[in-house]
Amino acid sequence: DFATPRAVLTGHDSEITCAAICAELGLVISGSKEGPCLIHSMNGDLLRTLEGPERSQGPESCLRPKLIQASREGHCVIYYENGLFCVFSVNGRLQATMETEDKIR
């Protein structure tokens, strides 16, 4: 038997740097090197775009997602390269932010 993709997820303009699957909610959340995080259904439908908070202009202003985790309760935590944590609802609403100087892996 040959493995075939269940769905093709589209919407990012640059390489994917992180992804999480929430099977309980049927969601795939992915982040790209130069862009926002996207929420897709398991069928491949683009549902939401998760935009981080506005930052100061300049080369470091681009929020680059590094880690993503989704919960079955409908929360998505994203850690960005610049030390910023953001919590979003699966509806795309930014609920909380926190900055840290620590290196997270």
N, C-alpha and C. Protein backbone atom coordinates (compact mmCIF):
# COMPACT_ATOMS: atom_id res chain seq x y z
N ASP A 1 0.83 -1.18 0.00
CA ASP A 1 0.00 0.00 0.00
C ASP A 1 0.88 1.25 0.00
N PHE A 2 0.41 2.26 -0.72
CA PHE A 2 1.10 3.53 -0.78
C PHE A 2 0.39 4.56 0.09
N ALA A 3 1.18 5.31 0.84
CA ALA A 3 0.61 6.37 1.65
C ALA A 3 0.27 7.55 0.75
N THR A 4 -0.91 8.08 0.91
CA THR A 4 -1.32 9.26 0.15
C THR A 4 -1.73 10.35 1.14
N PRO A 5 -1.49 11.61 0.77
CA PRO A 5 -1.87 12.69 1.69
C PRO A 5 -3.37 12.76 1.86
N ARG A 6 -3.79 13.05 3.05
CA ARG A 6 -5.22 13.21 3.34
C ARG A 6 -5.73 14.55 2.83
N ALA A 7 -4.84 15.56 2.90
CA ALA A 7 -5.19 16.90 2.45
C ALA A 7 -3.91 17.67 2.15
N VAL A 8 -4.02 18.66 1.31
CA VAL A 8 -2.91 19.57 1.02
C VAL A 8 -3.27 20.92 1.63
N LEU A 9 -2.42 21.39 2.52
CA LEU A 9 -2.67 22.65 3.20
C LEU A 9 -1.93 23.76 2.47
N THR A 10 -2.63 24.83 2.14
CA THR A 10 -2.02 25.93 1.41
C THR A 10 -2.20 27.23 2.19
N GLY A 11 -1.43 28.24 1.80
CA GLY A 11 -1.61 29.56 2.41
C GLY A 11 -0.33 30.23 2.84
N HIS A 12 0.73 29.46 3.11
CA HIS A 12 2.00 30.06 3.52
C HIS A 12 2.79 30.48 2.28
N ASP A 13 3.54 31.59 2.42
CA ASP A 13 4.39 32.06 1.34
C ASP A 13 5.85 31.67 1.53
N SER A 14 6.21 31.14 2.69
CA SER A 14 7.58 30.72 2.95
C SER A 14 7.56 29.41 3.71
N GLU A 15 8.76 28.88 4.00
CA GLU A 15 8.87 27.55 4.59
C GLU A 15 8.19 27.46 5.96
N ILE A 16 7.64 26.29 6.24
CA ILE A 16 6.98 26.01 7.52
C ILE A 16 8.05 25.77 8.58
N THR A 17 7.94 26.44 9.71
CA THR A 17 8.92 26.28 10.79
C THR A 17 8.37 25.48 11.97
N CYS A 18 7.04 25.41 12.10
CA CYS A 18 6.45 24.67 13.21
C CYS A 18 5.01 24.32 12.86
N ALA A 19 4.54 23.25 13.48
CA ALA A 19 3.16 22.81 13.24
C ALA A 19 2.67 22.00 14.43
N ALA A 20 1.36 22.00 14.62
CA ALA A 20 0.73 21.20 15.67
C ALA A 20 -0.60 20.68 15.14
N ILE A 21 -0.95 19.49 15.58
CA ILE A 21 -2.23 18.89 15.20
C ILE A 21 -3.06 18.71 16.46
N CYS A 22 -4.29 19.15 16.41
CA CYS A 22 -5.24 18.94 17.50
C CYS A 22 -6.33 18.02 16.96
N ALA A 23 -6.14 16.73 17.13
CA ALA A 23 -7.07 15.73 16.58
C ALA A 23 -8.46 15.87 17.19
N GLU A 24 -8.52 16.25 18.47
CA GLU A 24 -9.83 16.37 19.14
C GLU A 24 -10.71 17.42 18.48
N LEU A 25 -10.10 18.50 17.97
CA LEU A 25 -10.86 19.57 17.32
C LEU A 25 -10.78 19.49 15.80
N GLY A 26 -9.98 18.57 15.28
CA GLY A 26 -9.84 18.43 13.84
C GLY A 26 -9.11 19.59 13.19
N LEU A 27 -8.06 20.10 13.87
CA LEU A 27 -7.35 21.28 13.39
C LEU A 27 -5.87 21.01 13.19
N VAL A 28 -5.29 21.71 12.21
CA VAL A 28 -3.85 21.73 12.00
C VAL A 28 -3.43 23.19 12.07
N ILE A 29 -2.45 23.51 12.92
CA ILE A 29 -1.96 24.88 13.07
C ILE A 29 -0.51 24.90 12.65
N SER A 30 -0.16 25.82 11.77
CA SER A 30 1.21 25.86 11.26
C SER A 30 1.71 27.30 11.21
N GLY A 31 3.03 27.43 11.36
CA GLY A 31 3.67 28.74 11.30
C GLY A 31 4.78 28.73 10.28
N SER A 32 4.96 29.83 9.57
CA SER A 32 6.00 29.90 8.55
C SER A 32 7.08 30.90 8.93
N LYS A 33 8.21 30.79 8.26
CA LYS A 33 9.39 31.59 8.58
C LYS A 33 9.14 33.09 8.50
N GLU A 34 8.40 33.55 7.53
CA GLU A 34 8.21 34.99 7.33
C GLU A 34 6.75 35.42 7.42
N GLY A 35 5.89 34.58 7.98
CA GLY A 35 4.50 34.98 7.94
C GLY A 35 3.72 34.57 9.17
N PRO A 36 2.42 34.73 9.08
CA PRO A 36 1.57 34.42 10.23
C PRO A 36 1.38 32.92 10.40
N CYS A 37 0.73 32.56 11.48
CA CYS A 37 0.33 31.17 11.71
C CYS A 37 -1.06 30.99 11.11
N LEU A 38 -1.30 29.80 10.58
CA LEU A 38 -2.59 29.51 9.95
C LEU A 38 -3.25 28.32 10.62
N ILE A 39 -4.57 28.36 10.71
CA ILE A 39 -5.36 27.23 11.21
C ILE A 39 -6.11 26.64 10.04
N HIS A 40 -5.92 25.33 9.81
CA HIS A 40 -6.62 24.60 8.76
C HIS A 40 -7.46 23.50 9.41
N SER A 41 -8.50 23.09 8.72
CA SER A 41 -9.22 21.89 9.12
C SER A 41 -8.41 20.70 8.64
N MET A 42 -8.70 19.53 9.15
CA MET A 42 -8.00 18.32 8.71
C MET A 42 -8.31 17.99 7.25
N ASN A 43 -9.36 18.59 6.71
CA ASN A 43 -9.71 18.40 5.30
C ASN A 43 -8.95 19.35 4.38
N GLY A 44 -8.20 20.30 4.97
CA GLY A 44 -7.40 21.21 4.18
C GLY A 44 -7.98 22.60 4.01
N ASP A 45 -9.14 22.87 4.59
CA ASP A 45 -9.74 24.20 4.48
C ASP A 45 -9.03 25.19 5.39
N LEU A 46 -8.64 26.35 4.84
CA LEU A 46 -8.04 27.41 5.64
C LEU A 46 -9.14 28.09 6.44
N LEU A 47 -9.02 28.06 7.77
CA LEU A 47 -10.06 28.60 8.65
C LEU A 47 -9.73 29.98 9.21
N ARG A 48 -8.50 30.17 9.68
CA ARG A 48 -8.12 31.40 10.36
C ARG A 48 -6.64 31.73 10.13
N THR A 49 -6.33 33.00 10.28
CA THR A 49 -4.96 33.48 10.31
C THR A 49 -4.71 34.06 11.69
N LEU A 50 -3.63 33.64 12.33
CA LEU A 50 -3.29 34.14 13.67
C LEU A 50 -2.19 35.17 13.53
N GLU A 51 -2.53 36.43 13.72
CA GLU A 51 -1.58 37.53 13.63
C GLU A 51 -1.13 37.91 15.02
N GLY A 52 0.18 37.97 15.23
CA GLY A 52 0.73 38.41 16.50
C GLY A 52 0.47 39.89 16.70
N PRO A 53 0.76 40.40 17.89
CA PRO A 53 0.54 41.82 18.15
C PRO A 53 1.46 42.68 17.29
N GLU A 54 1.03 43.91 17.03
CA GLU A 54 1.85 44.84 16.24
C GLU A 54 3.15 45.13 16.98
N ARG A 55 4.23 45.10 16.24
CA ARG A 55 5.55 45.36 16.82
C ARG A 55 6.14 46.61 16.17
N SER A 56 7.22 47.14 16.74
CA SER A 56 7.89 48.29 16.15
C SER A 56 8.43 47.91 14.77
N GLN A 57 8.53 48.87 13.90
CA GLN A 57 9.01 48.61 12.54
C GLN A 57 10.52 48.36 12.56
N GLY A 58 11.00 47.62 11.58
CA GLY A 58 12.41 47.30 11.48
C GLY A 58 12.59 45.84 11.15
N PRO A 59 13.82 45.39 10.90
CA PRO A 59 14.05 44.00 10.51
C PRO A 59 13.65 43.00 11.58
N GLU A 60 13.72 43.40 12.86
CA GLU A 60 13.36 42.47 13.93
C GLU A 60 11.87 42.48 14.23
N SER A 61 11.10 43.28 13.50
CA SER A 61 9.67 43.40 13.79
C SER A 61 8.87 42.20 13.29
N CYS A 62 9.42 41.42 12.37
CA CYS A 62 8.71 40.25 11.85
C CYS A 62 8.63 39.19 12.94
N LEU A 63 7.43 38.76 13.25
CA LEU A 63 7.24 37.71 14.25
C LEU A 63 7.41 36.36 13.58
N ARG A 64 8.47 35.65 13.94
CA ARG A 64 8.78 34.35 13.35
C ARG A 64 8.41 33.26 14.36
N PRO A 65 7.36 32.50 14.09
CA PRO A 65 6.97 31.45 15.03
C PRO A 65 8.00 30.33 15.07
N LYS A 66 8.29 29.89 16.29
CA LYS A 66 9.28 28.83 16.48
C LYS A 66 8.64 27.55 17.02
N LEU A 67 7.69 27.69 17.94
CA LEU A 67 6.99 26.55 18.54
C LEU A 67 5.49 26.83 18.60
N ILE A 68 4.70 25.79 18.38
CA ILE A 68 3.24 25.90 18.47
C ILE A 68 2.72 24.70 19.25
N GLN A 69 1.75 24.95 20.11
CA GLN A 69 1.05 23.87 20.79
C GLN A 69 -0.43 24.21 20.88
N ALA A 70 -1.27 23.25 20.58
CA ALA A 70 -2.72 23.45 20.64
C ALA A 70 -3.31 22.54 21.72
N SER A 71 -4.37 23.02 22.35
CA SER A 71 -5.04 22.22 23.38
C SER A 71 -6.42 21.81 22.90
N ARG A 72 -6.93 20.77 23.49
CA ARG A 72 -8.28 20.30 23.12
C ARG A 72 -9.36 21.25 23.60
N GLU A 73 -9.00 22.20 24.49
CA GLU A 73 -9.95 23.21 24.95
C GLU A 73 -10.07 24.37 23.98
N GLY A 74 -9.26 24.38 22.94
CA GLY A 74 -9.38 25.43 21.94
C GLY A 74 -8.42 26.58 22.11
N HIS A 75 -7.28 26.35 22.77
CA HIS A 75 -6.26 27.38 22.92
C HIS A 75 -5.04 27.01 22.11
N CYS A 76 -4.37 28.01 21.59
CA CYS A 76 -3.15 27.80 20.83
C CYS A 76 -2.07 28.70 21.41
N VAL A 77 -0.95 28.11 21.82
CA VAL A 77 0.18 28.86 22.35
C VAL A 77 1.27 28.88 21.29
N ILE A 78 1.74 30.08 20.97
CA ILE A 78 2.80 30.23 19.97
C ILE A 78 3.97 30.94 20.63
N TYR A 79 5.17 30.38 20.44
CA TYR A 79 6.40 31.02 20.90
C TYR A 79 7.14 31.53 19.68
N TYR A 80 7.46 32.82 19.68
CA TYR A 80 8.16 33.44 18.57
C TYR A 80 9.65 33.57 18.89
N GLU A 81 10.48 33.65 17.86
CA GLU A 81 11.94 33.71 18.01
C GLU A 81 12.40 34.84 18.92
N ASN A 82 11.68 35.95 18.96
CA ASN A 82 12.12 37.11 19.74
C ASN A 82 11.75 37.01 21.22
N GLY A 83 11.30 35.84 21.69
CA GLY A 83 10.98 35.66 23.10
C GLY A 83 9.55 36.00 23.49
N LEU A 84 8.67 36.11 22.51
CA LEU A 84 7.28 36.46 22.78
C LEU A 84 6.41 35.21 22.76
N PHE A 85 5.61 35.04 23.80
CA PHE A 85 4.58 34.01 23.85
C PHE A 85 3.24 34.66 23.57
N CYS A 86 2.40 34.04 22.76
CA CYS A 86 1.04 34.51 22.52
C CYS A 86 0.07 33.35 22.69
N VAL A 87 -1.06 33.62 23.30
CA VAL A 87 -2.13 32.64 23.43
C VAL A 87 -3.30 33.14 22.59
N PHE A 88 -3.77 32.29 21.68
CA PHE A 88 -4.91 32.60 20.82
C PHE A 88 -6.03 31.61 21.08
N SER A 89 -7.25 32.04 20.85
CA SER A 89 -8.36 31.10 20.79
C SER A 89 -8.36 30.52 19.38
N VAL A 90 -9.04 29.39 19.17
CA VAL A 90 -9.11 28.82 17.82
C VAL A 90 -9.96 29.69 16.89
N ASN A 91 -10.64 30.67 17.46
CA ASN A 91 -11.38 31.63 16.64
C ASN A 91 -10.48 32.75 16.13
N GLY A 92 -9.19 32.72 16.51
CA GLY A 92 -8.24 33.69 16.02
C GLY A 92 -8.05 34.90 16.89
N ARG A 93 -8.67 34.91 18.05
CA ARG A 93 -8.57 36.07 18.95
C ARG A 93 -7.34 35.95 19.84
N LEU A 94 -6.53 37.00 19.87
CA LEU A 94 -5.36 37.06 20.74
C LEU A 94 -5.85 37.25 22.17
N GLN A 95 -5.50 36.33 23.07
CA GLN A 95 -6.00 36.38 24.44
C GLN A 95 -4.97 36.89 25.44
N ALA A 96 -3.68 36.58 25.21
CA ALA A 96 -2.66 37.02 26.15
C ALA A 96 -1.29 37.00 25.48
N THR A 97 -0.38 37.84 25.99
CA THR A 97 1.00 37.83 25.52
C THR A 97 1.93 37.91 26.72
N MET A 98 3.15 37.42 26.54
CA MET A 98 4.16 37.49 27.57
C MET A 98 5.53 37.44 26.90
N GLU A 99 6.44 38.29 27.34
CA GLU A 99 7.80 38.28 26.80
C GLU A 99 8.74 37.67 27.82
N THR A 100 9.77 36.96 27.31
CA THR A 100 10.77 36.36 28.17
C THR A 100 12.14 36.54 27.56
N GLU A 101 13.13 36.63 28.42
CA GLU A 101 14.52 36.72 27.97
C GLU A 101 15.14 35.33 27.87
N ASP A 102 14.47 34.32 28.43
CA ASP A 102 14.99 32.95 28.43
C ASP A 102 14.93 32.34 27.04
N LYS A 103 15.85 31.42 26.76
CA LYS A 103 15.84 30.67 25.50
C LYS A 103 14.94 29.45 25.70
N ILE A 104 13.93 29.33 24.88
CA ILE A 104 12.98 28.23 24.98
C ILE A 104 13.27 27.22 23.87
N ARG A 105 13.27 25.96 24.22
CA ARG A 105 13.49 24.90 23.23
C ARG A 105 12.38 23.89 23.31
